[in-house]
Structure formats: structure tokens, C-alpha cells
């Protein structure tokens, strides 16, 4: 009589497969990043994170997005890195990340979407997910093409100009307009009929509330904002110049080793930010000068100041009546 020996081989753990996939995707991301394919690198690092989530991968995602000049996505990733790593992050690295987060907050604005739940926001071909969003949708300053679509139908396509620290609203309404909707001309005609003959006399506004009593609020807001933005550009430009000189000292004949490529990208990004801030600030100052001559002057005294806010500096206007 023979002896039958049964040997049971344990199945490969599921987590082992996930870890192998994550490592392969991570290596793919590194290769893309070293080759300068930053958007592909970010996609690979995000896939690695989906396969096996790790807060450390948020650093790689942030670096890739920053190099691709998608500063809103970079800011989100670095904040997740700091929140996930906590005390495990070395003190020096944490200081560097906090400084980078503060710099990026000057380089992004917020895009707010008003659309039916489940609507997708696509900016410059990149999908930012669907409404409602878990937090503020931050996008790099500058011009972008934004598309809001729902169930395969485009609700809104618009070119937007995002300003640092400001909110841009995309109003896609409640969905596609019904076929029997009134034409704009008909709506305008109704409005004229409703306002042509008021049924009751309109009372005169109390003294002090008429147009000739309003102070030059927007004049000082525009001038104050312009000065603050130009100052921000000067600070950013100064930091960029110092970092550029430091980098030049490490490079011979303007040829820098690959390990300094990230520093060079960061300097170029800061130069771009400074240029944008100068342009926006100058436009605000010019607007304030124009308003000085056209806006009514009254008895209100307005003070404009730049104060600390949740995401950096916030322009505050206060008045005395």
C-alpha cells in the first residue's frame, strides 16, 4: 500500500501583486521624468499610487506636475505629501516642501464650477474629475481652455484667464437649454415692457446713498491691489535671481549636470510667475488711475491693506463713513 503525500502550496498574496505593479509603474515614471516627459511621468506615478497607495508617491507626482507647469495639481500633491508623511518627513525636507507650497500658492487660482452633479471638468485636455469636487479646484495662472461636460454632452466651453489668488467661475447652468426656450430678443422685449411703466413712484434714496456720495472705493482697491501684486512680482524675481546666481556657480560654461535640471525648471517657473505678477499688477494700477478720474468722490474714506489669509495674502478694503 503506497503513501500519498499531499503538499499545499499557498497562493500568492494579492498585496504582493499590487506591490509588484506599483514598483513597475514607479520605475516607468522615473524613466519618463528623466527623459523630460513630465505629464507621462505623473500619469505613471498616479497609477502606481492607485495600485498601492503611499504618501511618498505624492512627492513624485508633485515634482512631475511642477515640471509640467501644472502648478495647481503640483500644489495638491505636495499638500497630500506633507499631510500623509507628518513626522516621518525629515525636518529639512519638510522645510523645503513648506517653502515650495507657499511659492505655488502664488502661482495658482481657483476655478469654481456651477453645473449639475456628475459634470466633468476638463482643462487643457486634462480631466479634473466630476462635480461636486472634494475641495477647491486650483489651476495655474494664465490662459486655459476649460470644458464642462455631462454624460458626453458639452455644457460649456470657455477660454479662461486664471489670476493668482482669485476665483474664476464657470457657470454651466442646470444643463442643456430646452428646445422651446425663448430667444434672447423676446426676453429683452419682455424686460422693456415690464420696466416701461412702473406702477408705483420710486422713492428717492436717502442722503448719503446717492451716486455722488460714494467714495472712490474701487479706485483705491485697484491701486492697492496693483501695488501689492507688483511687490509680489519683485519679491519673486529677487528670489529667482539669487537662485539663478547660485546655480551658475555650480555650472561650468552654462552647462549644468542633470541633477540640477529640477533647480533650473524651478527658476524658470519663478521667472514666469514674476512676469505674470508684473503684468497683472501694472494692469490693476492703470485701472486705478482711470477710475481716479471717472469714479465719483464722496465722503467715505477707504483703506486698502494686504493681510495674511488662509492661502497666503488677501487684499482687504475697509471704509469709514
C-alpha atoms as a PDB file:
ATOM      1  CA  UNK A   1       0.000   0.000   0.000  1.00  0.00           C
ATOM      2  CA  UNK A   2       1.558   3.292  -1.096  1.00  0.00           C
ATOM      3  CA  UNK A   3       1.554   6.534   0.859  1.00  0.00           C
ATOM      4  CA  UNK A   4       0.039   9.553  -0.871  1.00  0.00           C
ATOM      5  CA  UNK A   5       1.594  12.803   0.314  1.00  0.00           C
ATOM      6  CA  UNK A   6      -0.375  15.950  -0.404  1.00  0.00           C
ATOM      7  CA  UNK A   7       1.510  19.254  -0.439  1.00  0.00           C
ATOM      8  CA  UNK A   8      -0.459  22.502  -0.401  1.00  0.00           C
ATOM      9  CA  UNK A   9       1.268  25.499  -1.997  1.00  0.00           C
ATOM     10  CA  UNK A  10      -0.054  28.829  -0.613  1.00  0.00           C
ATOM     11  CA  UNK A  11      -1.440  31.186  -3.199  1.00  0.00           C
ATOM     12  CA  UNK A  12       0.486  34.362  -3.959  1.00  0.00           C
ATOM     13  CA  UNK A  13      -0.889  37.171  -1.736  1.00  0.00           C
ATOM     14  CA  UNK A  14      -2.875  39.827  -3.544  1.00  0.00           C
ATOM     15  CA  UNK A  15      -0.817  42.587  -1.923  1.00  0.00           C
ATOM     16  CA  UNK A  16       2.348  41.117  -3.426  1.00  0.00           C
ATOM     17  CA  UNK A  17       0.926  41.546  -6.935  1.00  0.00           C
ATOM     18  CA  UNK A  18      -0.147  45.096  -6.116  1.00  0.00           C
ATOM     19  CA  UNK A  19       3.317  45.922  -4.799  1.00  0.00           C
ATOM     20  CA  UNK A  20       4.973  44.473  -7.913  1.00  0.00           C
ATOM     21  CA  UNK A  21       2.677  46.507 -10.165  1.00  0.00           C
ATOM     22  CA  UNK A  22       3.353  49.657  -8.150  1.00  0.00           C
ATOM     23  CA  UNK A  23       7.131  49.165  -8.384  1.00  0.00           C
ATOM     24  CA  UNK A  24       6.953  48.626 -12.145  1.00  0.00           C
ATOM     25  CA  UNK A  25       4.845  51.757 -12.601  1.00  0.00           C
ATOM     26  CA  UNK A  26       7.171  53.733 -10.336  1.00  0.00           C
ATOM     27  CA  UNK A  27      10.198  52.739 -12.447  1.00  0.00           C
ATOM     28  CA  UNK A  28       8.261  53.710 -15.570  1.00  0.00           C
ATOM     29  CA  UNK A  29       7.551  57.119 -14.037  1.00  0.00           C
ATOM     30  CA  UNK A  30      11.225  57.649 -13.197  1.00  0.00           C
ATOM     31  CA  UNK A  31      12.230  56.873 -16.793  1.00  0.00           C
ATOM     32  CA  UNK A  32       9.645  59.321 -18.147  1.00  0.00           C
ATOM     33  CA  UNK A  33      10.779  62.040 -15.728  1.00  0.00           C
ATOM     34  CA  UNK A  34      14.465  61.633 -16.589  1.00  0.00           C
ATOM     35  CA  UNK A  35      13.554  61.877 -20.287  1.00  0.00           C
ATOM     36  CA  UNK A  36      11.616  65.118 -19.719  1.00  0.00           C
ATOM     37  CA  UNK A  37       8.194  63.549 -20.346  1.00  0.00           C
ATOM     38  CA  UNK A  38       6.688  65.065 -17.214  1.00  0.00           C
ATOM     39  CA  UNK A  39       2.985  64.534 -17.940  1.00  0.00           C
ATOM     40  CA  UNK A  40       3.640  60.849 -18.719  1.00  0.00           C
ATOM     41  CA  UNK A  41       5.710  60.612 -15.530  1.00  0.00           C
ATOM     42  CA  UNK A  42       2.839  62.000 -13.479  1.00  0.00           C
ATOM     43  CA  UNK A  43       0.422  59.540 -15.079  1.00  0.00           C
ATOM     44  CA  UNK A  44       2.709  56.601 -14.210  1.00  0.00           C
ATOM     45  CA  UNK A  45       3.255  57.777 -10.617  1.00  0.00           C
ATOM     46  CA  UNK A  46      -0.508  58.246 -10.153  1.00  0.00           C
ATOM     47  CA  UNK A  47      -1.102  54.722 -11.486  1.00  0.00           C
ATOM     48  CA  UNK A  48       1.496  53.415  -9.017  1.00  0.00           C
ATOM     49  CA  UNK A  49      -0.328  55.223  -6.220  1.00  0.00           C
ATOM     50  CA  UNK A  50      -3.655  53.688  -7.303  1.00  0.00           C
ATOM     51  CA  UNK A  51      -2.054  50.217  -7.341  1.00  0.00           C
ATOM     52  CA  UNK A  52      -0.579  50.603  -3.850  1.00  0.00           C
ATOM     53  CA  UNK A  53      -1.203  53.961  -2.139  1.00  0.00           C
ATOM     54  CA  UNK A  54       1.788  55.531  -0.399  1.00  0.00           C
ATOM     55  CA  UNK A  55       2.152  59.137   0.709  1.00  0.00           C
ATOM     56  CA  UNK A  56       5.738  59.094  -0.576  1.00  0.00           C
ATOM     57  CA  UNK A  57       4.483  58.833  -4.173  1.00  0.00           C
ATOM     58  CA  UNK A  58       2.748  62.197  -3.782  1.00  0.00           C
ATOM     59  CA  UNK A  59       6.204  63.812  -3.786  1.00  0.00           C
ATOM     60  CA  UNK A  60       6.997  62.258  -7.191  1.00  0.00           C
ATOM     61  CA  UNK A  61       3.588  63.300  -8.509  1.00  0.00           C
ATOM     62  CA  UNK A  62       4.133  66.865  -7.287  1.00  0.00           C
ATOM     63  CA  UNK A  63       7.598  67.085  -8.840  1.00  0.00           C
ATOM     64  CA  UNK A  64       6.259  65.854 -12.187  1.00  0.00           C
ATOM     65  CA  UNK A  65       3.308  68.252 -12.193  1.00  0.00           C
ATOM     66  CA  UNK A  66       5.506  71.208 -11.209  1.00  0.00           C
ATOM     67  CA  UNK A  67       7.924  70.386 -14.038  1.00  0.00           C
ATOM     68  CA  UNK A  68       4.932  70.191 -16.410  1.00  0.00           C
ATOM     69  CA  UNK A  69       3.857  73.651 -15.155  1.00  0.00           C
ATOM     70  CA  UNK A  70       0.533  72.296 -13.878  1.00  0.00           C
ATOM     71  CA  UNK A  71       1.021  74.098 -10.594  1.00  0.00           C
ATOM     72  CA  UNK A  72      -2.460  73.512  -9.203  1.00  0.00           C
ATOM     73  CA  UNK A  73      -2.005  69.726  -9.433  1.00  0.00           C
ATOM     74  CA  UNK A  74       1.517  70.050  -8.017  1.00  0.00           C
ATOM     75  CA  UNK A  75       0.241  72.028  -5.035  1.00  0.00           C
ATOM     76  CA  UNK A  76      -2.427  69.410  -4.300  1.00  0.00           C
ATOM     77  CA  UNK A  77       0.153  66.605  -4.427  1.00  0.00           C
ATOM     78  CA  UNK A  78       2.681  68.362  -2.160  1.00  0.00           C
ATOM     79  CA  UNK A  79      -0.011  69.145   0.418  1.00  0.00           C
ATOM     80  CA  UNK A  80      -1.050  65.467   0.435  1.00  0.00           C
ATOM     81  CA  UNK A  81       2.620  64.523   0.830  1.00  0.00           C
ATOM     82  CA  UNK A  82       3.007  66.750   3.892  1.00  0.00           C
ATOM     83  CA  UNK A  83      -0.271  65.608   5.409  1.00  0.00           C
ATOM     84  CA  UNK A  84       0.424  61.911   4.800  1.00  0.00           C
ATOM     85  CA  UNK A  85       4.065  61.922   5.887  1.00  0.00           C
ATOM     86  CA  UNK A  86       3.643  64.004   9.034  1.00  0.00           C
ATOM     87  CA  UNK A  87       6.526  63.476  11.472  1.00  0.00           C
ATOM     88  CA  UNK A  88       8.079  60.826   9.213  1.00  0.00           C
ATOM     89  CA  UNK A  89       9.320  63.540   6.850  1.00  0.00           C
ATOM     90  CA  UNK A  90      12.814  64.778   7.689  1.00  0.00           C
ATOM     91  CA  UNK A  91      12.922  68.312   9.057  1.00  0.00           C
ATOM     92  CA  UNK A  92      14.983  69.671   6.140  1.00  0.00           C
ATOM     93  CA  UNK A  93      12.668  68.122   3.539  1.00  0.00           C
ATOM     94  CA  UNK A  94       9.604  69.441   5.394  1.00  0.00           C
ATOM     95  CA  UNK A  95      11.017  72.986   5.366  1.00  0.00           C
ATOM     96  CA  UNK A  96      11.711  72.716   1.635  1.00  0.00           C
ATOM     97  CA  UNK A  97       8.188  71.451   0.976  1.00  0.00           C
ATOM     98  CA  UNK A  98       6.558  74.175   3.067  1.00  0.00           C
ATOM     99  CA  UNK A  99       8.503  76.822   1.137  1.00  0.00           C
ATOM    100  CA  UNK A 100       7.507  75.215  -2.167  1.00  0.00           C
ATOM    101  CA  UNK A 101       3.841  75.102  -1.125  1.00  0.00           C
ATOM    102  CA  UNK A 102       3.888  78.815  -0.270  1.00  0.00           C
ATOM    103  CA  UNK A 103       5.523  79.600  -3.633  1.00  0.00           C
ATOM    104  CA  UNK A 104       2.978  77.551  -5.563  1.00  0.00           C
ATOM    105  CA  UNK A 105       0.051  79.226  -3.821  1.00  0.00           C
ATOM    106  CA  UNK A 106       1.102  82.478  -5.505  1.00  0.00           C
ATOM    107  CA  UNK A 107       1.054  80.732  -8.865  1.00  0.00           C
ATOM    108  CA  UNK A 108      -2.470  79.315  -8.833  1.00  0.00           C
ATOM    109  CA  UNK A 109      -6.063  80.491  -8.795  1.00  0.00           C
ATOM    110  CA  UNK A 110      -9.293  78.679  -8.036  1.00  0.00           C
ATOM    111  CA  UNK A 111     -11.814  77.527 -10.651  1.00  0.00           C
ATOM    112  CA  UNK A 112     -15.365  77.141  -9.359  1.00  0.00           C
ATOM    113  CA  UNK A 113     -17.813  75.092 -11.440  1.00  0.00           C
ATOM    114  CA  UNK A 114     -21.586  75.573 -11.335  1.00  0.00           C
ATOM    115  CA  UNK A 115     -23.065  72.584 -13.116  1.00  0.00           C
ATOM    116  CA  UNK A 116     -25.241  69.504 -12.498  1.00  0.00           C
ATOM    117  CA  UNK A 117     -23.746  66.872 -10.183  1.00  0.00           C
ATOM    118  CA  UNK A 118     -21.554  64.452 -12.088  1.00  0.00           C
ATOM    119  CA  UNK A 119     -20.356  67.047 -14.616  1.00  0.00           C
ATOM    120  CA  UNK A 120     -16.734  66.619 -15.686  1.00  0.00           C
ATOM    121  CA  UNK A 121     -14.242  69.481 -15.743  1.00  0.00           C
ATOM    122  CA  UNK A 122     -11.524  69.252 -18.407  1.00  0.00           C
ATOM    123  CA  UNK A 123      -8.836  71.940 -18.552  1.00  0.00           C
ATOM    124  CA  UNK A 124      -6.327  71.916 -21.416  1.00  0.00           C
ATOM    125  CA  UNK A 125      -7.243  68.301 -22.133  1.00  0.00           C
ATOM    126  CA  UNK A 126      -6.717  67.078 -18.537  1.00  0.00           C
ATOM    127  CA  UNK A 127      -9.721  65.766 -16.613  1.00  0.00           C
ATOM    128  CA  UNK A 128     -10.018  67.159 -13.076  1.00  0.00           C
ATOM    129  CA  UNK A 129     -12.844  64.785 -12.129  1.00  0.00           C
ATOM    130  CA  UNK A 130     -16.540  65.385 -11.672  1.00  0.00           C
ATOM    131  CA  UNK A 131     -18.689  67.668  -9.552  1.00  0.00           C
ATOM    132  CA  UNK A 132     -19.013  68.060  -6.665  1.00  0.00           C
ATOM    133  CA  UNK A 133     -15.266  68.351  -6.053  1.00  0.00           C
ATOM    134  CA  UNK A 134     -13.812  67.406  -2.641  1.00  0.00           C
ATOM    135  CA  UNK A 135     -12.012  70.738  -2.356  1.00  0.00           C
ATOM    136  CA  UNK A 136     -11.028  73.902  -4.249  1.00  0.00           C
ATOM    137  CA  UNK A 137     -10.056  73.235  -7.849  1.00  0.00           C
ATOM    138  CA  UNK A 138      -6.722  75.029  -8.181  1.00  0.00           C
ATOM    139  CA  UNK A 139      -5.287  75.831 -11.610  1.00  0.00           C
ATOM    140  CA  UNK A 140      -2.036  77.504 -12.694  1.00  0.00           C
ATOM    141  CA  UNK A 141      -2.243  81.204 -13.520  1.00  0.00           C
ATOM    142  CA  UNK A 142      -2.564  82.051 -17.199  1.00  0.00           C
ATOM    143  CA  UNK A 143      -4.872  81.271 -20.097  1.00  0.00           C
ATOM    144  CA  UNK A 144      -6.582  77.892 -20.348  1.00  0.00           C
ATOM    145  CA  UNK A 145      -9.350  76.209 -22.310  1.00  0.00           C
ATOM    146  CA  UNK A 146     -11.974  74.844 -19.916  1.00  0.00           C
ATOM    147  CA  UNK A 147     -14.711  72.385 -20.881  1.00  0.00           C
ATOM    148  CA  UNK A 148     -17.622  71.316 -18.679  1.00  0.00           C
ATOM    149  CA  UNK A 149     -19.423  68.227 -19.952  1.00  0.00           C
ATOM    150  CA  UNK A 150     -22.133  65.955 -18.618  1.00  0.00           C
ATOM    151  CA  UNK A 151     -22.917  62.461 -19.876  1.00  0.00           C
ATOM    152  CA  UNK A 152     -20.972  63.060 -23.072  1.00  0.00           C
ATOM    153  CA  UNK A 153     -22.600  66.413 -23.849  1.00  0.00           C
ATOM    154  CA  UNK A 154     -20.616  69.645 -23.667  1.00  0.00           C
ATOM    155  CA  UNK A 155     -22.383  72.150 -21.414  1.00  0.00           C
ATOM    156  CA  UNK A 156     -19.744  74.889 -21.594  1.00  0.00           C
ATOM    157  CA  UNK A 157     -16.527  75.521 -23.495  1.00  0.00           C
ATOM    158  CA  UNK A 158     -14.710  78.681 -22.475  1.00  0.00           C
ATOM    159  CA  UNK A 159     -11.267  80.245 -22.580  1.00  0.00           C
ATOM    160  CA  UNK A 160     -10.388  81.482 -19.109  1.00  0.00           C
ATOM    161  CA  UNK A 161      -7.626  83.656 -17.705  1.00  0.00           C
ATOM    162  CA  UNK A 162      -6.788  82.486 -14.192  1.00  0.00           C
ATOM    163  CA  UNK A 163      -5.229  85.064 -11.839  1.00  0.00           C
ATOM    164  CA  UNK A 164      -3.223  84.219  -8.742  1.00  0.00           C
ATOM    165  CA  UNK A 165      -5.313  84.030  -5.581  1.00  0.00           C
ATOM    166  CA  UNK A 166      -8.526  84.819  -7.487  1.00  0.00           C
ATOM    167  CA  UNK A 167     -11.589  82.660  -8.241  1.00  0.00           C
ATOM    168  CA  UNK A 168     -12.834  82.077 -11.783  1.00  0.00           C
ATOM    169  CA  UNK A 169     -16.445  80.864 -12.032  1.00  0.00           C
ATOM    170  CA  UNK A 170     -17.606  78.539 -14.809  1.00  0.00           C
ATOM    171  CA  UNK A 171     -21.391  78.661 -14.871  1.00  0.00           C
ATOM    172  CA  UNK A 172     -22.764  75.816 -16.965  1.00  0.00           C
ATOM    173  CA  UNK A 173     -26.275  76.219 -15.543  1.00  0.00           C
ATOM    174  CA  UNK A 174     -28.507  73.265 -14.779  1.00  0.00           C
ATOM    175  CA  UNK A 175     -27.855  71.500 -18.053  1.00  0.00           C
ATOM    176  CA  UNK A 176     -28.692  71.892 -21.749  1.00  0.00           C
ATOM    177  CA  UNK A 177     -31.290  74.549 -22.530  1.00  0.00           C
ATOM    178  CA  UNK A 178     -34.721  73.176 -23.583  1.00  0.00           C
ATOM    179  CA  UNK A 179     -35.594  73.374 -27.270  1.00  0.00           C
ATOM    180  CA  UNK A 180     -38.599  75.629 -26.661  1.00  0.00           C
ATOM    181  CA  UNK A 181     -36.654  78.247 -24.719  1.00  0.00           C
ATOM    182  CA  UNK A 182     -37.428  81.877 -25.572  1.00  0.00           C
ATOM    183  CA  UNK A 183     -34.970  83.710 -27.784  1.00  0.00           C
ATOM    184  CA  UNK A 184     -32.791  86.497 -26.316  1.00  0.00           C
ATOM    185  CA  UNK A 185     -34.726  89.102 -28.364  1.00  0.00           C
ATOM    186  CA  UNK A 186     -38.032  88.003 -26.845  1.00  0.00           C
ATOM    187  CA  UNK A 187     -36.588  88.158 -23.331  1.00  0.00           C
ATOM    188  CA  UNK A 188     -35.284  91.652 -23.964  1.00  0.00           C
ATOM    189  CA  UNK A 189     -38.684  92.822 -25.234  1.00  0.00           C
ATOM    190  CA  UNK A 190     -40.423  91.489 -22.116  1.00  0.00           C
ATOM    191  CA  UNK A 191     -37.937  93.268 -19.918  1.00  0.00           C
ATOM    192  CA  UNK A 192     -38.640  96.559 -21.696  1.00  0.00           C
ATOM    193  CA  UNK A 193     -42.391  96.102 -21.260  1.00  0.00           C
ATOM    194  CA  UNK A 194     -42.039  95.375 -17.549  1.00  0.00           C
ATOM    195  CA  UNK A 195     -39.887  98.430 -16.827  1.00  0.00           C
ATOM    196  CA  UNK A 196     -41.528 100.943 -19.160  1.00  0.00           C
ATOM    197  CA  UNK A 197     -44.409 101.934 -16.832  1.00  0.00           C
ATOM    198  CA  UNK A 198     -43.764 101.383 -13.118  1.00  0.00           C
ATOM    199  CA  UNK A 199     -46.973 101.065 -11.121  1.00  0.00           C
ATOM    200  CA  UNK A 200     -45.613 102.977  -8.123  1.00  0.00           C
ATOM    201  CA  UNK A 201     -43.334 106.016  -7.911  1.00  0.00           C
ATOM    202  CA  UNK A 202     -39.780 105.212  -6.933  1.00  0.00           C
ATOM    203  CA  UNK A 203     -38.749 106.877  -3.676  1.00  0.00           C
ATOM    204  CA  UNK A 204     -35.622 108.998  -3.741  1.00  0.00           C
ATOM    205  CA  UNK A 205     -32.685 107.357  -1.940  1.00  0.00           C
ATOM    206  CA  UNK A 206     -31.717 108.826   1.442  1.00  0.00           C
ATOM    207  CA  UNK A 207     -28.957 111.431   1.532  1.00  0.00           C
ATOM    208  CA  UNK A 208     -25.559 109.808   1.531  1.00  0.00           C
ATOM    209  CA  UNK A 209     -26.669 106.808  -0.569  1.00  0.00           C
ATOM    210  CA  UNK A 210     -26.817 108.513  -3.966  1.00  0.00           C
ATOM    211  CA  UNK A 211     -24.085 108.026  -6.528  1.00  0.00           C
ATOM    212  CA  UNK A 212     -22.458 111.396  -5.879  1.00  0.00           C
ATOM    213  CA  UNK A 213     -21.863 110.460  -2.247  1.00  0.00           C
ATOM    214  CA  UNK A 214     -19.965 107.229  -2.825  1.00  0.00           C
ATOM    215  CA  UNK A 215     -16.252 107.228  -2.114  1.00  0.00           C
ATOM    216  CA  UNK A 216     -13.613 106.113  -4.578  1.00  0.00           C
ATOM    217  CA  UNK A 217     -13.656 102.597  -3.174  1.00  0.00           C
ATOM    218  CA  UNK A 218     -12.705 100.775  -6.375  1.00  0.00           C
ATOM    219  CA  UNK A 219     -10.036 103.329  -7.220  1.00  0.00           C
ATOM    220  CA  UNK A 220      -8.117 102.559  -4.032  1.00  0.00           C
ATOM    221  CA  UNK A 221      -8.819  98.840  -4.267  1.00  0.00           C
ATOM    222  CA  UNK A 222      -7.359  98.719  -7.782  1.00  0.00           C
ATOM    223  CA  UNK A 223      -4.322 100.828  -6.869  1.00  0.00           C
ATOM    224  CA  UNK A 224      -3.691  98.882  -3.673  1.00  0.00           C
ATOM    225  CA  UNK A 225      -4.064  95.536  -5.408  1.00  0.00           C
ATOM    226  CA  UNK A 226      -1.771  96.612  -8.238  1.00  0.00           C
ATOM    227  CA  UNK A 227       0.929  97.791  -5.844  1.00  0.00           C
ATOM    228  CA  UNK A 228       0.691  94.584  -3.801  1.00  0.00           C
ATOM    229  CA  UNK A 229       0.875  92.354  -6.894  1.00  0.00           C
ATOM    230  CA  UNK A 230       3.861  94.276  -8.315  1.00  0.00           C
ATOM    231  CA  UNK A 231       5.574  93.942  -4.931  1.00  0.00           C
ATOM    232  CA  UNK A 232       4.936  90.197  -5.041  1.00  0.00           C
ATOM    233  CA  UNK A 233       6.495  90.075  -8.509  1.00  0.00           C
ATOM    234  CA  UNK A 234       9.547  91.965  -7.257  1.00  0.00           C
ATOM    235  CA  UNK A 235       9.992  89.560  -4.343  1.00  0.00           C
ATOM    236  CA  UNK A 236       9.603  86.518  -6.581  1.00  0.00           C
ATOM    237  CA  UNK A 237      12.010  87.977  -9.153  1.00  0.00           C
ATOM    238  CA  UNK A 238      14.592  88.736  -6.470  1.00  0.00           C
ATOM    239  CA  UNK A 239      14.467  85.198  -5.107  1.00  0.00           C
ATOM    240  CA  UNK A 240      14.755  83.837  -8.636  1.00  0.00           C
ATOM    241  CA  UNK A 241      17.851  85.977  -9.355  1.00  0.00           C
ATOM    242  CA  UNK A 242      19.580  84.753  -6.200  1.00  0.00           C
ATOM    243  CA  UNK A 243      18.810  81.129  -7.011  1.00  0.00           C
ATOM    244  CA  UNK A 244      19.996  81.636 -10.589  1.00  0.00           C
ATOM    245  CA  UNK A 245      23.339  83.017  -9.395  1.00  0.00           C
ATOM    246  CA  UNK A 246      23.748  80.063  -7.046  1.00  0.00           C
ATOM    247  CA  UNK A 247      23.024  77.673  -9.913  1.00  0.00           C
ATOM    248  CA  UNK A 248      25.505  79.449 -12.238  1.00  0.00           C
ATOM    249  CA  UNK A 249      28.244  78.924  -9.663  1.00  0.00           C
ATOM    250  CA  UNK A 250      27.609  75.168  -9.885  1.00  0.00           C
ATOM    251  CA  UNK A 251      27.698  75.049 -13.681  1.00  0.00           C
ATOM    252  CA  UNK A 252      30.702  75.492 -15.955  1.00  0.00           C
ATOM    253  CA  UNK A 253      30.274  77.323 -19.272  1.00  0.00           C
ATOM    254  CA  UNK A 254      26.489  77.365 -18.620  1.00  0.00           C
ATOM    255  CA  UNK A 255      26.408  73.547 -18.842  1.00  0.00           C
ATOM    256  CA  UNK A 256      24.714  72.099 -15.781  1.00  0.00           C
ATOM    257  CA  UNK A 257      24.677  68.439 -14.692  1.00  0.00           C
ATOM    258  CA  UNK A 258      21.347  66.644 -14.970  1.00  0.00           C
ATOM    259  CA  UNK A 259      20.918  66.637 -11.185  1.00  0.00           C
ATOM    260  CA  UNK A 260      20.413  70.417 -11.312  1.00  0.00           C
ATOM    261  CA  UNK A 261      17.726  70.252 -14.028  1.00  0.00           C
ATOM    262  CA  UNK A 262      14.995  70.443 -11.403  1.00  0.00           C
ATOM    263  CA  UNK A 263      16.549  73.642  -9.989  1.00  0.00           C
ATOM    264  CA  UNK A 264      16.656  75.156 -13.476  1.00  0.00           C
ATOM    265  CA  UNK A 265      12.974  74.328 -14.070  1.00  0.00           C
ATOM    266  CA  UNK A 266      12.074  75.884 -10.730  1.00  0.00           C
ATOM    267  CA  UNK A 267      13.956  79.096 -11.601  1.00  0.00           C
ATOM    268  CA  UNK A 268      12.216  79.345 -14.988  1.00  0.00           C
ATOM    269  CA  UNK A 269       8.862  78.870 -13.291  1.00  0.00           C
ATOM    270  CA  UNK A 270       9.625  81.666 -10.797  1.00  0.00           C
ATOM    271  CA  UNK A 271      10.669  83.997 -13.642  1.00  0.00           C
ATOM    272  CA  UNK A 272       7.370  83.275 -15.399  1.00  0.00           C
ATOM    273  CA  UNK A 273       5.476  83.976 -12.186  1.00  0.00           C
ATOM    274  CA  UNK A 274       7.283  87.291 -11.694  1.00  0.00           C
ATOM    275  CA  UNK A 275       6.467  88.364 -15.263  1.00  0.00           C
ATOM    276  CA  UNK A 276       2.802  87.481 -14.786  1.00  0.00           C
ATOM    277  CA  UNK A 277       2.614  89.367 -11.489  1.00  0.00           C
ATOM    278  CA  UNK A 278       4.230  92.461 -13.053  1.00  0.00           C
ATOM    279  CA  UNK A 279       1.709  92.403 -15.898  1.00  0.00           C
ATOM    280  CA  UNK A 280      -1.334  91.892 -13.695  1.00  0.00           C
ATOM    281  CA  UNK A 281      -0.151  94.492 -11.191  1.00  0.00           C
ATOM    282  CA  UNK A 282       0.524  97.070 -13.892  1.00  0.00           C
ATOM    283  CA  UNK A 283      -2.938  96.493 -15.362  1.00  0.00           C
ATOM    284  CA  UNK A 284      -4.528  96.992 -11.933  1.00  0.00           C
ATOM    285  CA  UNK A 285      -2.600 100.230 -11.351  1.00  0.00           C
ATOM    286  CA  UNK A 286      -3.643 101.579 -14.762  1.00  0.00           C
ATOM    287  CA  UNK A 287      -7.253 100.677 -13.948  1.00  0.00           C
ATOM    288  CA  UNK A 288      -6.966 102.545 -10.654  1.00  0.00           C
ATOM    289  CA  UNK A 289      -5.599 105.651 -12.381  1.00  0.00           C
ATOM    290  CA  UNK A 290      -8.504 105.617 -14.848  1.00  0.00           C
ATOM    291  CA  UNK A 291     -11.011 105.158 -12.016  1.00  0.00           C
ATOM    292  CA  UNK A 292      -9.475 108.091 -10.146  1.00  0.00           C
ATOM    293  CA  UNK A 293     -10.779 110.421 -12.856  1.00  0.00           C
ATOM    294  CA  UNK A 294     -14.115 108.753 -13.571  1.00  0.00           C
ATOM    295  CA  UNK A 295     -15.292 107.372 -10.210  1.00  0.00           C
ATOM    296  CA  UNK A 296     -17.336 109.802  -8.074  1.00  0.00           C
ATOM    297  CA  UNK A 297     -15.610 111.190  -4.979  1.00  0.00           C
ATOM    298  CA  UNK A 298     -17.587 111.338  -1.756  1.00  0.00           C
ATOM    299  CA  UNK A 299     -17.290 111.378   1.982  1.00  0.00           C
ATOM    300  CA  UNK A 300     -16.205 107.818   2.525  1.00  0.00           C
ATOM    301  CA  UNK A 301     -12.641 107.103   3.481  1.00  0.00           C
ATOM    302  CA  UNK A 302     -11.325 103.750   2.288  1.00  0.00           C
ATOM    303  CA  UNK A 303      -8.209 101.903   3.409  1.00  0.00           C
ATOM    304  CA  UNK A 304      -6.704  99.060   1.393  1.00  0.00           C
ATOM    305  CA  UNK A 305      -4.277  96.623   3.025  1.00  0.00           C
ATOM    306  CA  UNK A 306      -2.639  93.259   2.337  1.00  0.00           C
ATOM    307  CA  UNK A 307      -3.230  90.888   5.253  1.00  0.00           C
ATOM    308  CA  UNK A 308      -2.403  87.211   5.916  1.00  0.00           C
ATOM    309  CA  UNK A 309      -5.078  84.799   4.726  1.00  0.00           C
ATOM    310  CA  UNK A 310      -5.723  81.076   4.605  1.00  0.00           C
ATOM    311  CA  UNK A 311      -3.776  80.566   1.348  1.00  0.00           C
ATOM    312  CA  UNK A 312      -1.285  83.431   1.564  1.00  0.00           C
ATOM    313  CA  UNK A 313      -2.029  87.170   1.369  1.00  0.00           C
ATOM    314  CA  UNK A 314      -5.520  88.599   0.972  1.00  0.00           C
ATOM    315  CA  UNK A 315      -6.441  92.109  -0.155  1.00  0.00           C
ATOM    316  CA  UNK A 316      -8.651  93.807   2.438  1.00  0.00           C
ATOM    317  CA  UNK A 317     -10.630  97.024   1.966  1.00  0.00           C
ATOM    318  CA  UNK A 318     -12.129  98.860   4.931  1.00  0.00           C
ATOM    319  CA  UNK A 319     -14.065 102.105   4.998  1.00  0.00           C
ATOM    320  CA  UNK A 320     -15.046 104.895   7.375  1.00  0.00           C
ATOM    321  CA  UNK A 321     -18.395 106.664   6.863  1.00  0.00           C
END
